[in-house]
Protein backbone atom coordinates (compact mmCIF):
# COMPACT_ATOMS: atom_id res chain seq x y z
CA UNK A 1 -4.15 -17.81 72.67
CA UNK A 2 -1.54 -15.97 73.43
CA UNK A 3 0.97 -17.95 72.30
CA UNK A 4 4.94 -17.62 71.35
CA UNK A 5 4.83 -18.30 67.50
CA UNK A 6 2.17 -15.45 67.79
CA UNK A 7 3.36 -12.63 69.33
CA UNK A 8 7.03 -14.24 66.60
CA UNK A 9 4.50 -13.35 64.11
CA UNK A 10 3.02 -10.38 65.71
CA UNK A 11 6.83 -9.19 65.80
CA UNK A 12 7.23 -9.83 61.87
CA UNK A 13 4.03 -7.28 61.83
CA UNK A 14 5.64 -4.42 63.26
CA UNK A 15 9.35 -4.76 61.97
CA UNK A 16 10.12 -1.23 60.36
CA UNK A 17 7.05 0.46 61.68
CA UNK A 18 8.09 1.24 64.74
CA UNK A 19 10.39 3.09 66.12
CA UNK A 20 12.78 1.20 68.83
CA UNK A 21 13.22 2.18 72.00
CA UNK A 22 16.17 0.81 73.64
CA UNK A 23 16.31 0.51 76.86
CA UNK A 24 17.77 3.27 79.29
CA UNK A 25 19.65 3.25 82.22
CA UNK A 26 19.00 5.60 85.47
CA UNK A 27 21.62 6.35 87.22
CA UNK A 28 19.53 9.08 89.88
CA UNK A 29 16.78 5.59 89.73
CA UNK A 30 18.96 3.09 90.65
CA UNK A 31 20.56 5.75 93.45
CA UNK A 32 16.80 6.11 95.20
CA UNK A 33 15.23 2.73 95.14
CA UNK A 34 18.90 1.03 95.56
CA UNK A 35 18.09 -0.74 91.97
CA UNK A 36 19.95 -1.62 88.71
CA UNK A 37 16.73 0.42 87.02
CA UNK A 38 16.43 0.76 83.37
CA UNK A 39 13.92 2.60 81.64
CA UNK A 40 11.96 1.73 78.57
CA UNK A 41 10.86 5.11 76.91
CA UNK A 42 7.44 3.71 74.67
CA UNK A 43 6.94 7.62 74.88
CA UNK A 44 8.88 8.34 72.21
CA UNK A 45 6.99 5.05 70.15
CA UNK A 46 4.69 6.47 66.66
CA UNK A 47 2.40 8.23 67.95
CA UNK A 48 3.94 8.26 71.27
CA UNK A 49 3.08 5.72 73.06
CA UNK A 50 2.80 1.58 72.13
CA UNK A 51 -0.55 1.35 71.53
CA UNK A 52 0.67 1.77 68.09
CA UNK A 53 1.89 -1.84 69.10
CA UNK A 54 -1.78 -3.50 69.19
CA UNK A 55 -3.56 -1.82 66.81
CA UNK A 56 -1.47 -1.44 63.86
CA UNK A 57 -1.08 -5.62 64.20
CA UNK A 58 -4.70 -6.27 65.15
CA UNK A 59 -6.12 -4.10 62.00
CA UNK A 60 -3.27 -6.60 60.18
CA UNK A 61 -5.52 -9.31 61.24
CA UNK A 62 -8.48 -7.75 59.77
CA UNK A 63 -10.76 -9.73 56.62
CA UNK A 64 -9.99 -7.57 53.70
CA UNK A 65 -14.48 -6.71 54.19
CA UNK A 66 -13.52 -6.16 58.03
CA UNK A 67 -11.44 -3.28 57.31
CA UNK A 68 -14.31 -2.63 54.20
CA UNK A 69 -16.76 -1.65 57.40
CA UNK A 70 -14.85 1.13 58.30
CA UNK A 71 -13.00 1.44 61.94
CA UNK A 72 -14.42 2.09 65.62
CA UNK A 73 -13.05 2.36 69.17
CA UNK A 74 -13.11 3.99 72.45
CA UNK A 75 -10.34 5.33 74.13
CA UNK A 76 -8.72 7.47 76.01
CA UNK A 77 -6.58 8.64 74.17
CA UNK A 78 -3.51 6.97 73.30
CA UNK A 79 -5.42 3.74 71.41
CA UNK A 80 -6.83 6.31 69.76
CA UNK A 81 -4.20 7.29 68.13
CA UNK A 82 -2.62 4.19 67.27
CA UNK A 83 -6.02 2.73 65.43
CA UNK A 84 -5.73 6.08 63.87
CA UNK A 85 -2.27 5.49 62.63
CA UNK A 86 -2.78 1.85 61.46
CA UNK A 87 -6.52 2.47 59.77
CA UNK A 88 -4.65 5.55 58.52
CA UNK A 89 -2.46 3.53 57.03
CA UNK A 90 -4.07 0.19 55.63
CA UNK A 91 -5.99 3.25 53.94
CA UNK A 92 -9.24 2.56 56.47
CA UNK A 93 -11.49 4.55 58.05
CA UNK A 94 -11.81 5.13 61.34
CA UNK A 95 -14.60 6.37 63.61
CA UNK A 96 -12.79 7.10 67.52
CA UNK A 97 -14.85 7.69 70.85
CA UNK A 98 -13.29 9.77 73.33
CA UNK A 99 -14.17 11.20 76.43
CA UNK A 100 -14.53 14.99 77.10
CA UNK A 101 -11.96 14.79 79.17
CA UNK A 102 -9.55 13.65 77.14
CA UNK A 103 -6.08 15.55 76.33
CA UNK A 104 -6.47 18.16 73.67
CA UNK A 105 -2.69 16.47 72.29
CA UNK A 106 -4.70 13.33 72.75
CA UNK A 107 -7.80 14.63 70.60
CA UNK A 108 -5.96 16.57 67.83
CA UNK A 109 -3.23 14.24 67.25
CA UNK A 110 -5.70 11.78 66.66
CA UNK A 111 -7.64 13.39 63.80
CA UNK A 112 -4.60 14.48 63.20
CA UNK A 113 -3.79 10.69 61.32
CA UNK A 114 -6.95 11.29 59.60
CA UNK A 115 -9.93 9.60 62.08
CA UNK A 116 -13.47 10.83 62.56
CA UNK A 117 -13.34 12.22 66.92
CA UNK A 118 -16.34 12.02 68.59
CA UNK A 119 -15.83 12.83 72.81
CA UNK A 120 -18.77 11.27 74.87
CA UNK A 121 -18.81 10.22 77.99
CA UNK A 122 -16.49 11.19 81.78
CA UNK A 123 -14.48 8.24 81.36
CA UNK A 124 -13.42 4.94 79.37
CA UNK A 125 -16.69 3.77 80.15
CA UNK A 126 -19.01 5.47 78.87
CA UNK A 127 -16.78 6.07 75.77
CA UNK A 128 -16.89 2.66 74.88
CA UNK A 129 -20.49 1.43 75.77
CA UNK A 130 -21.55 4.61 72.78
CA UNK A 131 -18.43 2.90 70.53
CA UNK A 132 -20.83 -0.01 70.98
CA UNK A 133 -23.79 0.89 69.77
CA UNK A 134 -22.44 2.22 67.24
CA UNK A 135 -20.66 -0.85 66.28
CA UNK A 136 -23.56 -2.62 66.33
CA UNK A 137 -25.79 0.06 64.86
CA UNK A 138 -23.63 0.61 61.51
CA UNK A 139 -21.88 -2.44 61.12
CA UNK A 140 -19.17 -0.10 61.92
CA UNK A 141 -15.87 -2.87 62.78
CA UNK A 142 -14.51 -2.97 66.86
CA UNK A 143 -11.14 -2.26 68.00
CA UNK A 144 -10.83 -2.76 71.34
CA UNK A 145 -8.37 -0.94 73.03
CA UNK A 146 -7.83 -3.63 75.62
CA UNK A 147 -9.87 -6.36 75.74
CA UNK A 148 -8.61 -8.87 72.69
CA UNK A 149 -5.70 -11.27 72.42
CA UNK A 150 -5.04 -10.19 69.24
CA UNK A 151 -4.30 -6.72 70.80
CA UNK A 152 -2.68 -7.74 73.34
CA UNK A 153 0.21 -10.05 71.19
CA UNK A 154 1.29 -6.80 69.43
CA UNK A 155 1.14 -4.76 73.25
CA UNK A 156 3.63 -7.77 74.36
CA UNK A 157 6.31 -7.45 71.25
CA UNK A 158 8.09 -4.92 74.13
CA UNK A 159 8.82 -8.34 76.77
CA UNK A 160 11.10 -9.25 72.82
CA UNK A 161 12.42 -5.53 73.61
CA UNK A 162 13.37 -5.75 77.12
CA UNK A 163 14.73 -9.17 76.70
CA UNK A 164 17.21 -8.18 73.90
CA UNK A 165 18.89 -5.37 76.03
CA UNK A 166 18.73 -6.90 80.04
CA UNK A 167 18.95 -11.35 79.19
CA UNK A 168 19.30 -10.42 82.36
CA UNK A 169 16.13 -9.18 83.33
CA UNK A 170 15.27 -9.23 87.27
CA UNK A 171 11.95 -7.14 87.70
CA UNK A 172 9.39 -5.48 84.94
CA UNK A 173 6.51 -2.95 86.58
CA UNK A 174 4.22 -2.77 84.11
CA UNK A 175 1.46 0.38 84.19
CA UNK A 176 -2.18 -1.25 83.90
CA UNK A 177 -5.69 -0.32 83.13
CA UNK A 178 -7.90 -2.22 80.75
CA UNK A 179 -4.78 -5.53 81.68
CA UNK A 180 -4.27 -5.14 77.32
CA UNK A 181 -0.33 -4.29 77.75
CA UNK A 182 0.65 -6.40 81.01
CA UNK A 183 -0.89 -9.43 79.84
CA UNK A 184 1.16 -8.89 76.45
CA UNK A 185 3.99 -8.52 78.39
CA UNK A 186 3.90 -10.42 80.93
CA UNK A 187 2.97 -13.91 78.64
CA UNK A 188 5.53 -13.32 76.52
CA UNK A 189 7.94 -12.64 79.47
CA UNK A 190 6.89 -15.81 81.26
CA UNK A 191 7.51 -16.93 77.74
CA UNK A 192 10.40 -16.28 77.47
CA UNK A 193 12.05 -15.92 81.15
CA UNK A 194 10.05 -18.06 84.11
CA UNK A 195 11.80 -17.24 86.72
CA UNK A 196 11.33 -12.86 85.67
CA UNK A 197 9.12 -10.91 88.84
CA UNK A 198 5.78 -8.87 86.99
CA UNK A 199 4.61 -5.55 88.36
CA UNK A 200 1.43 -4.72 87.43
CA UNK A 201 0.41 -0.79 89.15
CA UNK A 202 -2.49 1.23 89.03
CA UNK A 203 -4.17 4.17 90.16
CA UNK A 204 -5.07 4.18 93.71
CA UNK A 205 -8.40 5.60 92.76
CA UNK A 206 -8.57 3.14 89.41
CA UNK A 207 -7.43 -0.35 91.02
CA UNK A 208 -10.33 -2.25 89.40
CA UNK A 209 -7.58 -4.66 87.99
CA UNK A 210 -6.36 -5.37 91.54
CA UNK A 211 -9.69 -6.22 92.80
CA UNK A 212 -11.07 -8.21 90.49
CA UNK A 213 -8.15 -10.14 90.94
CA UNK A 214 -9.30 -9.99 95.31
CA UNK A 215 -12.12 -10.48 94.01
CA UNK A 216 -10.89 -14.04 91.52
CA UNK A 217 -13.09 -12.57 88.83
CA UNK A 218 -13.64 -8.70 87.02
CA UNK A 219 -14.95 -6.80 88.49
CA UNK A 220 -16.85 -3.46 87.91
CA UNK A 221 -15.72 -0.08 89.69
CA UNK A 222 -18.00 2.26 90.98
CA UNK A 223 -16.07 5.57 90.34
CA UNK A 224 -12.85 5.65 88.55
CA UNK A 225 -10.51 8.60 89.58
CA UNK A 226 -6.94 9.37 88.73
CA UNK A 227 -4.75 11.76 87.44
CA UNK A 228 -3.84 8.89 84.98
CA UNK A 229 -6.11 9.18 82.35
CA UNK A 230 -4.83 6.76 79.97
CA UNK A 231 -5.05 3.90 82.38
CA UNK A 232 -9.27 5.53 84.46
CA UNK A 233 -10.96 2.19 83.81
CA UNK A 234 -13.81 0.76 85.15
CA UNK A 235 -14.27 -2.74 83.94
CA UNK A 236 -10.26 -4.45 83.30
CA UNK A 237 -10.97 -7.36 80.63
CA UNK A 238 -12.62 -9.72 81.21
CA UNK A 239 -10.72 -11.54 77.84
CA UNK A 240 -7.43 -10.62 79.40
CA UNK A 241 -8.54 -10.73 82.97
CA UNK A 242 -6.41 -15.06 82.73
CA UNK A 243 -3.13 -14.23 81.77
CA UNK A 244 -3.79 -11.37 84.02
CA UNK A 245 -3.86 -14.01 86.41
CA UNK A 246 -1.33 -16.23 85.82
CA UNK A 247 1.32 -14.31 84.44
CA UNK A 248 1.24 -10.78 87.10
CA UNK A 249 2.77 -11.71 90.18
CA UNK A 250 1.53 -8.84 92.22
CA UNK A 251 -0.26 -5.70 91.83
CA UNK A 252 1.11 -1.85 93.10
CA UNK A 253 -1.28 0.67 93.64
CA UNK A 254 -0.43 4.23 93.50
CA UNK A 255 -1.50 7.32 94.85
CA UNK A 256 -1.90 10.66 92.69
CA UNK A 257 0.64 12.81 94.77
CA UNK A 258 3.63 10.25 93.83
CA UNK A 259 2.20 10.52 89.92
CA UNK A 260 3.87 14.70 90.33
CA UNK A 261 6.98 13.62 91.95
CA UNK A 262 7.35 11.31 89.03
CA UNK A 263 6.88 13.49 86.63
CA UNK A 264 9.56 15.77 88.27
CA UNK A 265 12.12 12.72 88.42
CA UNK A 266 11.87 11.97 84.61
CA UNK A 267 11.05 15.78 83.25
CA UNK A 268 14.28 16.77 85.57
CA UNK A 269 16.46 13.65 85.41
CA UNK A 270 15.68 12.47 81.55
CA UNK A 271 14.76 15.36 80.20
CA UNK A 272 11.57 13.50 78.38
CA UNK A 273 7.70 14.15 79.32
CA UNK A 274 5.70 11.07 79.63
CA UNK A 275 2.37 10.82 80.78
CA UNK A 276 0.50 9.77 84.49
CA UNK A 277 -0.45 6.94 83.19
CA UNK A 278 3.28 6.03 82.17
CA UNK A 279 4.44 7.72 85.34
CA UNK A 280 3.38 3.92 87.57
CA UNK A 281 5.91 2.29 87.04
CA UNK A 282 8.51 4.99 87.70
CA UNK A 283 6.25 6.08 90.67
CA UNK A 284 5.92 2.17 92.00
CA UNK A 285 9.85 2.19 92.42
CA UNK A 286 10.06 2.84 96.15
CA UNK A 287 7.76 0.61 97.25
CA UNK A 288 10.42 -2.51 96.10
CA UNK A 289 11.05 -4.54 98.65
CA UNK A 290 13.59 -6.45 96.95
CA UNK A 291 17.36 -4.96 96.17
CA UNK A 292 20.00 -4.62 94.29
CA UNK A 293 17.89 -6.58 91.15
CA UNK A 294 17.66 -5.27 87.09
CA UNK A 295 14.69 -3.41 87.24
CA UNK A 296 13.23 -2.52 83.76
CA UNK A 297 10.97 0.94 83.95
CA UNK A 298 8.06 0.58 81.22
CA UNK A 299 7.20 3.73 79.95
CA UNK A 300 3.98 3.52 77.61
CA UNK A 301 3.76 7.14 76.23
CA UNK A 302 3.45 10.38 76.48
CA UNK A 303 0.95 11.86 75.67
CA UNK A 304 0.12 15.24 77.15
CA UNK A 305 -1.46 18.73 77.12
CA UNK A 306 0.59 21.30 77.88
CA UNK A 307 -1.85 22.62 80.78
CA UNK A 308 -1.30 19.48 82.55
CA UNK A 309 2.39 19.35 81.58
CA UNK A 310 2.37 23.03 84.20
CA UNK A 311 0.12 22.04 86.25
CA UNK A 312 2.38 18.81 87.47
CA UNK A 313 5.64 20.94 87.32
CA UNK A 314 3.76 23.66 90.22
CA UNK A 315 2.16 21.47 92.23
CA UNK A 316 5.72 19.29 91.75
CA UNK A 317 8.63 22.20 92.64
CA UNK A 318 5.31 23.16 95.77
CA UNK A 319 5.51 19.44 97.06
CA UNK A 320 9.35 19.72 97.39
CA UNK A 321 9.73 22.51 98.92
CA UNK A 322 11.14 24.50 95.69
CA UNK A 323 7.59 26.74 95.68
CA UNK A 324 6.48 27.93 98.53
CA UNK A 325 4.13 30.96 99.49
CA UNK A 326 4.08 33.27 103.33
CA UNK A 327 2.73 36.18 104.38
CA UNK A 328 3.58 38.81 106.99
CA UNK A 329 1.96 41.57 108.94
CA UNK A 330 3.78 44.43 108.70
CA UNK A 331 4.12 48.12 110.10
CA UNK A 332 2.39 50.90 107.37
CA UNK A 333 5.65 52.83 107.55
CA UNK A 334 8.43 53.52 104.85
CA UNK A 335 11.71 50.98 104.37
CA UNK A 336 9.33 47.71 105.98
CA UNK A 337 9.17 46.02 102.81
CA UNK A 338 12.89 46.37 102.07
CA UNK A 339 13.81 45.20 105.82
CA UNK A 340 12.38 41.92 104.32
CA UNK A 341 13.63 41.96 101.18
CA UNK A 342 16.96 42.36 102.97
CA UNK A 343 16.45 38.30 105.75
CA UNK A 344 15.44 37.12 102.05
CA UNK A 345 17.88 37.82 100.37
CA UNK A 346 20.90 37.45 102.39
CA UNK A 347 19.16 33.75 102.55
CA UNK A 348 18.94 33.47 99.35
CA UNK A 349 15.99 32.55 98.58
CA UNK A 350 14.01 34.23 95.08
CA UNK A 351 11.24 36.46 94.46
CA UNK A 352 9.25 35.11 92.21
CA UNK A 353 5.49 36.64 93.06
CA UNK A 354 4.48 39.47 95.53
CA UNK A 355 1.94 41.08 96.67
CA UNK A 356 1.93 44.30 99.31
CA UNK A 357 -1.36 45.06 100.35
CA UNK A 358 -1.92 48.84 102.15
CA UNK A 359 -5.76 48.25 102.86
CA UNK A 360 -6.33 44.49 104.88
CA UNK A 361 -6.52 46.33 108.25
CA UNK A 362 -7.11 50.48 110.03
CA UNK A 363 -5.29 49.87 111.99
CA UNK A 364 -1.40 51.35 109.59
CA UNK A 365 1.48 49.81 113.06
CA UNK A 366 0.29 46.44 111.27
CA UNK A 367 -2.16 47.22 108.39
CA UNK A 368 0.00 45.98 105.66
CA UNK A 369 -0.12 42.58 104.84
CA UNK A 370 2.91 41.02 102.40
CA UNK A 371 2.63 37.53 100.22
CA UNK A 372 5.23 36.28 98.79
CA UNK A 373 6.21 33.31 96.35
CA UNK A 374 9.13 32.49 96.40
CA UNK A 375 12.05 30.22 95.29
CA UNK A 376 14.25 27.71 96.92
CA UNK A 377 16.25 24.49 97.07
CA UNK A 378 13.89 22.36 98.69
CA UNK A 379 12.50 22.21 102.52
CA UNK A 380 15.04 22.66 103.95
CA UNK A 381 16.07 25.81 102.50
CA UNK A 382 12.82 26.65 103.07
CA UNK A 383 13.28 25.62 106.50
CA UNK A 384 15.93 28.04 106.76
CA UNK A 385 13.78 31.30 105.01
CA UNK A 386 11.68 31.38 107.27
CA UNK A 387 13.90 30.63 111.16
CA UNK A 388 15.31 33.98 109.64
CA UNK A 389 12.36 35.60 109.17
CA UNK A 390 11.61 35.16 112.58
CA UNK A 391 13.84 35.58 113.92
CA UNK A 392 14.31 39.04 112.50
CA UNK A 393 10.89 39.74 115.05
CA UNK A 394 8.09 39.09 111.49
CA UNK A 395 5.60 36.38 112.52
CA UNK A 396 5.78 34.31 108.72
CA UNK A 397 2.92 32.07 108.64
CA UNK A 398 3.51 29.44 105.58
CA UNK A 399 0.39 30.02 103.20
CA UNK A 400 -1.44 27.47 100.01
CA UNK A 401 0.34 28.52 97.26
CA UNK A 402 -1.44 26.99 94.52
CA UNK A 403 -3.96 29.92 95.62
CA UNK A 404 -1.28 32.12 95.08
CA UNK A 405 1.01 30.66 92.06
CA UNK A 406 -1.31 31.54 89.60
């Protein structure tokens, strides 16, 4: 069972192992959602995610015989690093099965902690099937990434720290994948204060826990499609499910596009890198129907590879109108490019990329295609620039920046 005594024991075991992640007040998020918003930066935790809590505590409870057999688990990345780190600290061998889509940074970090990594399948559930097979065939001790009450107990210690920093917390937003984090945090939070509201947050494309709660039992989704790879789980844990039913008040689902904006908010305002799964709680703020409450967003992890990071920055800037591309047909004669540049300059448009193609048309009166990618201050500024071009006689049209930005 998830009990207060067990949570106390986990807190004692983890003392001195964890890196402090005190709550950070966010004036920006507070202004934008009408609640007093604090973030719990588990992206700054040892191994870059909260998963070290459950993995370390779970391994500490294993018998020597279980440790001697070696460990095996499946993970989209953060649990893998937690198990690898804890296994190395305990002098135990560990084999980690990870989906082939796992970001490289998570794979390399797991290897750096001394674990053997096997890449298999496209989503977590594929990797989990192979890990279970290896456990049975080779006698390895399986450390489940979320469907384990001991593991969930370790994850739940986050709630102690939240109440220590903010005793009058009203709402805690927790990302949900398989359910271990939400089960632990919600159960301990309700034990400490039954009136606190716990809201789970899932991506729309992988909302397996919400589907299960709606059905009244654990269900398996046909697919789990989301940029939040850390919570791309088709089947949530049946052992933690009853605790979710009892202690999580409701679940919000978030579209992937909202995670892109949340990434920019956290990076620009708080100078932090938070992975997409960890951004679910931030993106959920705009969906709250309360005002003036003390709200804590659990940022579950920050292990993001630079390719994904650059893609999020690009798409985020485009979504906010801070990068855009337009195309215009020009007469093929000297000075036309200079005229367009003068309009852009007068309206503070900063050119990022330019393509001047004279060979798209044999008609020299409209034979040059000019495509320009610009940096702007936002949608209002972008509209101002486009209006100025049209006023100057150019039939400029906005085009797909994604194709031209590369």
